[in-house]
Amino acid sequence: MSVAHQIVDVLVSGVIAGFSAFVLSAAAPRFAVTIGVILASMYYFSRNPWGSQDGDALNRRIDDLYERYLPF
């Protein structure tokens, strides 16, 4: 995995954390950031954030998408 792929993974994780914290801040303001960080960590560390049975295929599709748009 290249550095560019890792940077994009970090950016996607940041978007997941920020969006989920923003959405959850209305319902659970004290736990919104914690839940956002947990969801972002689930994506970043597993890249199979929702536990699908075909996690390897999902990760391959994400890598193929990165290869298409990140030339390095």
PDB file of N, CA and C in Angstrom:
ATOM      1  N   MET A   1       0.851  -1.166   0.000  1.00  0.00           N
ATOM      2  CA  MET A   1       0.000   0.000   0.000  1.00  0.00           C
ATOM      3  C   MET A   1       0.898   1.230   0.000  1.00  0.00           C
ATOM      4  N   SER A   2       0.607   2.133  -0.896  1.00  0.00           N
ATOM      5  CA  SER A   2       1.439   3.321  -1.009  1.00  0.00           C
ATOM      6  C   SER A   2       1.055   4.366   0.041  1.00  0.00           C
ATOM      7  N   VAL A   3       1.906   5.349   0.151  1.00  0.00           N
ATOM      8  CA  VAL A   3       1.661   6.441   1.092  1.00  0.00           C
ATOM      9  C   VAL A   3       0.409   7.208   0.690  1.00  0.00           C
ATOM     10  N   ALA A   4       0.190   7.369  -0.609  1.00  0.00           N
ATOM     11  CA  ALA A   4      -1.007   8.073  -1.079  1.00  0.00           C
ATOM     12  C   ALA A   4      -2.280   7.343  -0.648  1.00  0.00           C
ATOM     13  N   HIS A   5      -2.269   6.020  -0.714  1.00  0.00           N
ATOM     14  CA  HIS A   5      -3.435   5.246  -0.286  1.00  0.00           C
ATOM     15  C   HIS A   5      -3.676   5.433   1.213  1.00  0.00           C
ATOM     16  N   GLN A   6      -2.613   5.453   1.983  1.00  0.00           N
ATOM     17  CA  GLN A   6      -2.761   5.636   3.420  1.00  0.00           C
ATOM     18  C   GLN A   6      -3.284   7.028   3.748  1.00  0.00           C
ATOM     19  N   ILE A   7      -2.823   8.028   3.002  1.00  0.00           N
ATOM     20  CA  ILE A   7      -3.314   9.392   3.234  1.00  0.00           C
ATOM     21  C   ILE A   7      -4.804   9.482   2.918  1.00  0.00           C
ATOM     22  N   VAL A   8      -5.222   8.855   1.831  1.00  0.00           N
ATOM     23  CA  VAL A   8      -6.645   8.862   1.483  1.00  0.00           C
ATOM     24  C   VAL A   8      -7.449   8.105   2.539  1.00  0.00           C
ATOM     25  N   ASP A   9      -6.921   7.001   3.045  1.00  0.00           N
ATOM     26  CA  ASP A   9      -7.609   6.286   4.127  1.00  0.00           C
ATOM     27  C   ASP A   9      -7.780   7.176   5.356  1.00  0.00           C
ATOM     28  N   VAL A  10      -6.759   7.935   5.697  1.00  0.00           N
ATOM     29  CA  VAL A  10      -6.846   8.844   6.848  1.00  0.00           C
ATOM     30  C   VAL A  10      -7.880   9.939   6.580  1.00  0.00           C
ATOM     31  N   LEU A  11      -7.887  10.479   5.367  1.00  0.00           N
ATOM     32  CA  LEU A  11      -8.865  11.515   5.033  1.00  0.00           C
ATOM     33  C   LEU A  11     -10.293  10.978   5.067  1.00  0.00           C
ATOM     34  N   VAL A  12     -10.492   9.778   4.529  1.00  0.00           N
ATOM     35  CA  VAL A  12     -11.831   9.168   4.567  1.00  0.00           C
ATOM     36  C   VAL A  12     -12.244   8.914   6.018  1.00  0.00           C
ATOM     37  N   SER A  13     -11.319   8.462   6.836  1.00  0.00           N
ATOM     38  CA  SER A  13     -11.619   8.245   8.253  1.00  0.00           C
ATOM     39  C   SER A  13     -11.991   9.554   8.932  1.00  0.00           C
ATOM     40  N   GLY A  14     -11.301  10.629   8.591  1.00  0.00           N
ATOM     41  CA  GLY A  14     -11.623  11.938   9.157  1.00  0.00           C
ATOM     42  C   GLY A  14     -13.002  12.405   8.753  1.00  0.00           C
ATOM     43  N   VAL A  15     -13.375  12.164   7.499  1.00  0.00           N
ATOM     44  CA  VAL A  15     -14.718  12.534   7.046  1.00  0.00           C
ATOM     45  C   VAL A  15     -15.767  11.708   7.786  1.00  0.00           C
ATOM     46  N   ILE A  16     -15.514  10.422   7.950  1.00  0.00           N
ATOM     47  CA  ILE A  16     -16.454   9.577   8.697  1.00  0.00           C
ATOM     48  C   ILE A  16     -16.599  10.077  10.122  1.00  0.00           C
ATOM     49  N   ALA A  17     -15.478  10.382  10.778  1.00  0.00           N
ATOM     50  CA  ALA A  17     -15.528  10.862  12.169  1.00  0.00           C
ATOM     51  C   ALA A  17     -16.259  12.193  12.261  1.00  0.00           C
ATOM     52  N   GLY A  18     -15.930  13.120  11.384  1.00  0.00           N
ATOM     53  CA  GLY A  18     -16.554  14.436  11.437  1.00  0.00           C
ATOM     54  C   GLY A  18     -18.037  14.396  11.136  1.00  0.00           C
ATOM     55  N   PHE A  19     -18.417  13.675  10.097  1.00  0.00           N
ATOM     56  CA  PHE A  19     -19.825  13.603   9.721  1.00  0.00           C
ATOM     57  C   PHE A  19     -20.649  12.899  10.795  1.00  0.00           C
ATOM     58  N   SER A  20     -20.154  11.772  11.289  1.00  0.00           N
ATOM     59  CA  SER A  20     -20.928  11.052  12.303  1.00  0.00           C
ATOM     60  C   SER A  20     -21.000  11.834  13.609  1.00  0.00           C
ATOM     61  N   ALA A  21     -19.940  12.536  13.982  1.00  0.00           N
ATOM     62  CA  ALA A  21     -19.989  13.359  15.197  1.00  0.00           C
ATOM     63  C   ALA A  21     -20.980  14.504  15.024  1.00  0.00           C
ATOM     64  N   PHE A  22     -21.006  15.096  13.846  1.00  0.00           N
ATOM     65  CA  PHE A  22     -21.953  16.188  13.588  1.00  0.00           C
ATOM     66  C   PHE A  22     -23.391  15.697  13.661  1.00  0.00           C
ATOM     67  N   VAL A  23     -23.662  14.562  13.021  1.00  0.00           N
ATOM     68  CA  VAL A  23     -25.025  14.025  12.997  1.00  0.00           C
ATOM     69  C   VAL A  23     -25.458  13.583  14.400  1.00  0.00           C
ATOM     70  N   LEU A  24     -24.557  12.932  15.122  1.00  0.00           N
ATOM     71  CA  LEU A  24     -24.910  12.415  16.446  1.00  0.00           C
ATOM     72  C   LEU A  24     -24.920  13.493  17.532  1.00  0.00           C
ATOM     73  N   SER A  25     -24.382  14.665  17.251  1.00  0.00           N
ATOM     74  CA  SER A  25     -24.316  15.702  18.286  1.00  0.00           C
ATOM     75  C   SER A  25     -25.698  16.178  18.709  1.00  0.00           C
ATOM     76  N   ALA A  26     -26.694  16.024  17.869  1.00  0.00           N
ATOM     77  CA  ALA A  26     -28.059  16.405  18.246  1.00  0.00           C
ATOM     78  C   ALA A  26     -28.676  15.389  19.195  1.00  0.00           C
ATOM     79  N   ALA A  27     -28.370  14.116  18.998  1.00  0.00           N
ATOM     80  CA  ALA A  27     -28.987  13.066  19.806  1.00  0.00           C
ATOM     81  C   ALA A  27     -28.181  12.737  21.059  1.00  0.00           C
ATOM     82  N   ALA A  28     -26.878  12.678  20.934  1.00  0.00           N
ATOM     83  CA  ALA A  28     -26.021  12.297  22.067  1.00  0.00           C
ATOM     84  C   ALA A  28     -24.776  13.187  22.080  1.00  0.00           C
ATOM     85  N   PRO A  29     -24.933  14.439  22.503  1.00  0.00           N
ATOM     86  CA  PRO A  29     -23.809  15.377  22.394  1.00  0.00           C
ATOM     87  C   PRO A  29     -22.572  14.982  23.196  1.00  0.00           C
ATOM     88  N   ARG A  30     -22.743  14.282  24.294  1.00  0.00           N
ATOM     89  CA  ARG A  30     -21.584  13.916  25.107  1.00  0.00           C
ATOM     90  C   ARG A  30     -20.786  12.756  24.516  1.00  0.00           C
ATOM     91  N   PHE A  31     -21.414  11.970  23.685  1.00  0.00           N
ATOM     92  CA  PHE A  31     -20.757  10.788  23.130  1.00  0.00           C
ATOM     93  C   PHE A  31     -20.542  10.873  21.624  1.00  0.00           C
ATOM     94  N   ALA A  32     -20.902  11.978  21.001  1.00  0.00           N
ATOM     95  CA  ALA A  32     -20.839  12.089  19.548  1.00  0.00           C
ATOM     96  C   ALA A  32     -19.414  11.933  19.029  1.00  0.00           C
ATOM     97  N   VAL A  33     -18.459  12.597  19.650  1.00  0.00           N
ATOM     98  CA  VAL A  33     -17.070  12.512  19.187  1.00  0.00           C
ATOM     99  C   VAL A  33     -16.514  11.120  19.429  1.00  0.00           C
ATOM    100  N   THR A  34     -16.839  10.529  20.557  1.00  0.00           N
ATOM    101  CA  THR A  34     -16.362   9.179  20.855  1.00  0.00           C
ATOM    102  C   THR A  34     -16.870   8.183  19.823  1.00  0.00           C
ATOM    103  N   ILE A  35     -18.142   8.252  19.512  1.00  0.00           N
ATOM    104  CA  ILE A  35     -18.726   7.345  18.530  1.00  0.00           C
ATOM    105  C   ILE A  35     -18.128   7.609  17.143  1.00  0.00           C
ATOM    106  N   GLY A  36     -17.921   8.884  16.809  1.00  0.00           N
ATOM    107  CA  GLY A  36     -17.299   9.217  15.534  1.00  0.00           C
ATOM    108  C   GLY A  36     -15.904   8.644  15.406  1.00  0.00           C
ATOM    109  N   VAL A  37     -15.129   8.738  16.470  1.00  0.00           N
ATOM    110  CA  VAL A  37     -13.773   8.189  16.448  1.00  0.00           C
ATOM    111  C   VAL A  37     -13.808   6.668  16.351  1.00  0.00           C
ATOM    112  N   ILE A  38     -14.742   6.041  17.018  1.00  0.00           N
ATOM    113  CA  ILE A  38     -14.873   4.584  16.934  1.00  0.00           C
ATOM    114  C   ILE A  38     -15.216   4.157  15.510  1.00  0.00           C
ATOM    115  N   LEU A  39     -16.147   4.844  14.870  1.00  0.00           N
ATOM    116  CA  LEU A  39     -16.514   4.490  13.492  1.00  0.00           C
ATOM    117  C   LEU A  39     -15.356   4.719  12.532  1.00  0.00           C
ATOM    118  N   ALA A  40     -14.634   5.819  12.708  1.00  0.00           N
ATOM    119  CA  ALA A  40     -13.481   6.088  11.842  1.00  0.00           C
ATOM    120  C   ALA A  40     -12.389   5.053  12.056  1.00  0.00           C
ATOM    121  N   SER A  41     -12.175   4.648  13.298  1.00  0.00           N
ATOM    122  CA  SER A  41     -11.171   3.626  13.587  1.00  0.00           C
ATOM    123  C   SER A  41     -11.564   2.292  12.976  1.00  0.00           C
ATOM    124  N   MET A  42     -12.852   1.987  13.029  1.00  0.00           N
ATOM    125  CA  MET A  42     -13.319   0.747  12.410  1.00  0.00           C
ATOM    126  C   MET A  42     -13.027   0.745  10.920  1.00  0.00           C
ATOM    127  N   TYR A  43     -13.213   1.876  10.261  1.00  0.00           N
ATOM    128  CA  TYR A  43     -12.912   1.937   8.839  1.00  0.00           C
ATOM    129  C   TYR A  43     -11.414   1.838   8.597  1.00  0.00           C
ATOM    130  N   TYR A  44     -10.647   2.644   9.300  1.00  0.00           N
ATOM    131  CA  TYR A  44      -9.224   2.734   9.021  1.00  0.00           C
ATOM    132  C   TYR A  44      -8.496   1.426   9.309  1.00  0.00           C
ATOM    133  N   PHE A  45      -8.800   0.803  10.427  1.00  0.00           N
ATOM    134  CA  PHE A  45      -8.037  -0.376  10.811  1.00  0.00           C
ATOM    135  C   PHE A  45      -8.518  -1.659  10.150  1.00  0.00           C
ATOM    136  N   SER A  46      -9.740  -1.694   9.680  1.00  0.00           N
ATOM    137  CA  SER A  46     -10.200  -2.929   9.055  1.00  0.00           C
ATOM    138  C   SER A  46     -10.547  -2.746   7.588  1.00  0.00           C
ATOM    139  N   ARG A  47     -10.888  -1.514   7.187  1.00  0.00           N
ATOM    140  CA  ARG A  47     -11.372  -1.228   5.839  1.00  0.00           C
ATOM    141  C   ARG A  47     -12.505  -2.152   5.449  1.00  0.00           C
ATOM    142  N   ASN A  48     -13.167  -2.682   6.427  1.00  0.00           N
ATOM    143  CA  ASN A  48     -14.390  -3.450   6.252  1.00  0.00           C
ATOM    144  C   ASN A  48     -15.311  -3.017   7.391  1.00  0.00           C
ATOM    145  N   PRO A  49     -15.752  -1.764   7.362  1.00  0.00           N
ATOM    146  CA  PRO A  49     -16.356  -1.175   8.542  1.00  0.00           C
ATOM    147  C   PRO A  49     -17.697  -1.752   8.960  1.00  0.00           C
ATOM    148  N   TRP A  50     -18.395  -2.397   8.076  1.00  0.00           N
ATOM    149  CA  TRP A  50     -19.711  -2.874   8.450  1.00  0.00           C
ATOM    150  C   TRP A  50     -19.789  -4.377   8.520  1.00  0.00           C
ATOM    151  N   GLY A  51     -18.679  -5.043   8.588  1.00  0.00           N
ATOM    152  CA  GLY A  51     -18.629  -6.471   8.844  1.00  0.00           C
ATOM    153  C   GLY A  51     -19.246  -7.347   7.775  1.00  0.00           C
ATOM    154  N   SER A  52     -19.144  -6.947   6.536  1.00  0.00           N
ATOM    155  CA  SER A  52     -19.725  -7.785   5.492  1.00  0.00           C
ATOM    156  C   SER A  52     -18.902  -9.069   5.348  1.00  0.00           C
ATOM    157  N   GLN A  53     -19.535 -10.104   4.857  1.00  0.00           N
ATOM    158  CA  GLN A  53     -18.877 -11.391   4.730  1.00  0.00           C
ATOM    159  C   GLN A  53     -17.828 -11.407   3.625  1.00  0.00           C
ATOM    160  N   ASP A  54     -17.963 -10.513   2.654  1.00  0.00           N
ATOM    161  CA  ASP A  54     -16.995 -10.460   1.559  1.00  0.00           C
ATOM    162  C   ASP A  54     -16.051  -9.273   1.747  1.00  0.00           C
ATOM    163  N   GLY A  55     -15.428  -9.202   2.904  1.00  0.00           N
ATOM    164  CA  GLY A  55     -14.540  -8.097   3.245  1.00  0.00           C
ATOM    165  C   GLY A  55     -13.336  -7.989   2.343  1.00  0.00           C
ATOM    166  N   ASP A  56     -12.775  -9.123   1.928  1.00  0.00           N
ATOM    167  CA  ASP A  56     -11.615  -9.079   1.032  1.00  0.00           C
ATOM    168  C   ASP A  56     -11.997  -8.491  -0.326  1.00  0.00           C
ATOM    169  N   ALA A  57     -13.150  -8.838  -0.822  1.00  0.00           N
ATOM    170  CA  ALA A  57     -13.599  -8.285  -2.097  1.00  0.00           C
ATOM    171  C   ALA A  57     -13.848  -6.781  -1.974  1.00  0.00           C
ATOM    172  N   LEU A  58     -14.405  -6.357  -0.862  1.00  0.00           N
ATOM    173  CA  LEU A  58     -14.638  -4.924  -0.627  1.00  0.00           C
ATOM    174  C   LEU A  58     -13.312  -4.177  -0.570  1.00  0.00           C
ATOM    175  N   ASN A  59     -12.329  -4.730   0.120  1.00  0.00           N
ATOM    176  CA  ASN A  59     -11.021  -4.089   0.196  1.00  0.00           C
ATOM    177  C   ASN A  59     -10.342  -4.044  -1.172  1.00  0.00           C
ATOM    178  N   ARG A  60     -10.509  -5.078  -1.980  1.00  0.00           N
ATOM    179  CA  ARG A  60      -9.942  -5.066  -3.332  1.00  0.00           C
ATOM    180  C   ARG A  60     -10.588  -3.989  -4.191  1.00  0.00           C
ATOM    181  N   ARG A  61     -11.915  -3.805  -4.040  1.00  0.00           N
ATOM    182  CA  ARG A  61     -12.594  -2.758  -4.797  1.00  0.00           C
ATOM    183  C   ARG A  61     -12.119  -1.377  -4.376  1.00  0.00           C
ATOM    184  N   ILE A  62     -11.903  -1.174  -3.076  1.00  0.00           N
ATOM    185  CA  ILE A  62     -11.374   0.103  -2.599  1.00  0.00           C
ATOM    186  C   ILE A  62      -9.976   0.329  -3.151  1.00  0.00           C
ATOM    187  N   ASP A  63      -9.133  -0.702  -3.134  1.00  0.00           N
ATOM    188  CA  ASP A  63      -7.783  -0.575  -3.685  1.00  0.00           C
ATOM    189  C   ASP A  63      -7.811  -0.291  -5.184  1.00  0.00           C
ATOM    190  N   ASP A  64      -8.714  -0.947  -5.908  1.00  0.00           N
ATOM    191  CA  ASP A  64      -8.834  -0.677  -7.343  1.00  0.00           C
ATOM    192  C   ASP A  64      -9.262   0.760  -7.607  1.00  0.00           C
ATOM    193  N   LEU A  65     -10.163   1.271  -6.791  1.00  0.00           N
ATOM    194  CA  LEU A  65     -10.588   2.666  -6.913  1.00  0.00           C
ATOM    195  C   LEU A  65      -9.421   3.610  -6.657  1.00  0.00           C
ATOM    196  N   TYR A  66      -8.617   3.307  -5.649  1.00  0.00           N
ATOM    197  CA  TYR A  66      -7.429   4.117  -5.370  1.00  0.00           C
ATOM    198  C   TYR A  66      -6.464   4.069  -6.544  1.00  0.00           C
ATOM    199  N   GLU A  67      -6.255   2.881  -7.106  1.00  0.00           N
ATOM    200  CA  GLU A  67      -5.331   2.745  -8.225  1.00  0.00           C
ATOM    201  C   GLU A  67      -5.799   3.539  -9.443  1.00  0.00           C
ATOM    202  N   ARG A  68      -7.093   3.625  -9.627  1.00  0.00           N
ATOM    203  CA  ARG A  68      -7.632   4.349 -10.773  1.00  0.00           C
ATOM    204  C   ARG A  68      -7.398   5.851 -10.639  1.00  0.00           C
ATOM    205  N   TYR A  69      -7.567   6.398  -9.429  1.00  0.00           N
ATOM    206  CA  TYR A  69      -7.505   7.844  -9.260  1.00  0.00           C
ATOM    207  C   TYR A  69      -6.203   8.346  -8.665  1.00  0.00           C
ATOM    208  N   LEU A  70      -5.402   7.464  -8.087  1.00  0.00           N
ATOM    209  CA  LEU A  70      -4.111   7.855  -7.533  1.00  0.00           C
ATOM    210  C   LEU A  70      -3.010   7.172  -8.348  1.00  0.00           C
ATOM    211  N   PRO A  71      -2.359   7.904  -9.224  1.00  0.00           N
ATOM    212  CA  PRO A  71      -1.397   7.279 -10.115  1.00  0.00           C
ATOM    213  C   PRO A  71      -0.086   6.867  -9.452  1.00  0.00           C
ATOM    214  N   PHE A  72       0.123   7.216  -8.213  1.00  0.00           N
ATOM    215  CA  PHE A  72       1.388   6.893  -7.543  1.00  0.00           C
ATOM    216  C   PHE A  72       1.169   6.057  -6.325  1.00  0.00           C
TER     217      PHE A  72
END
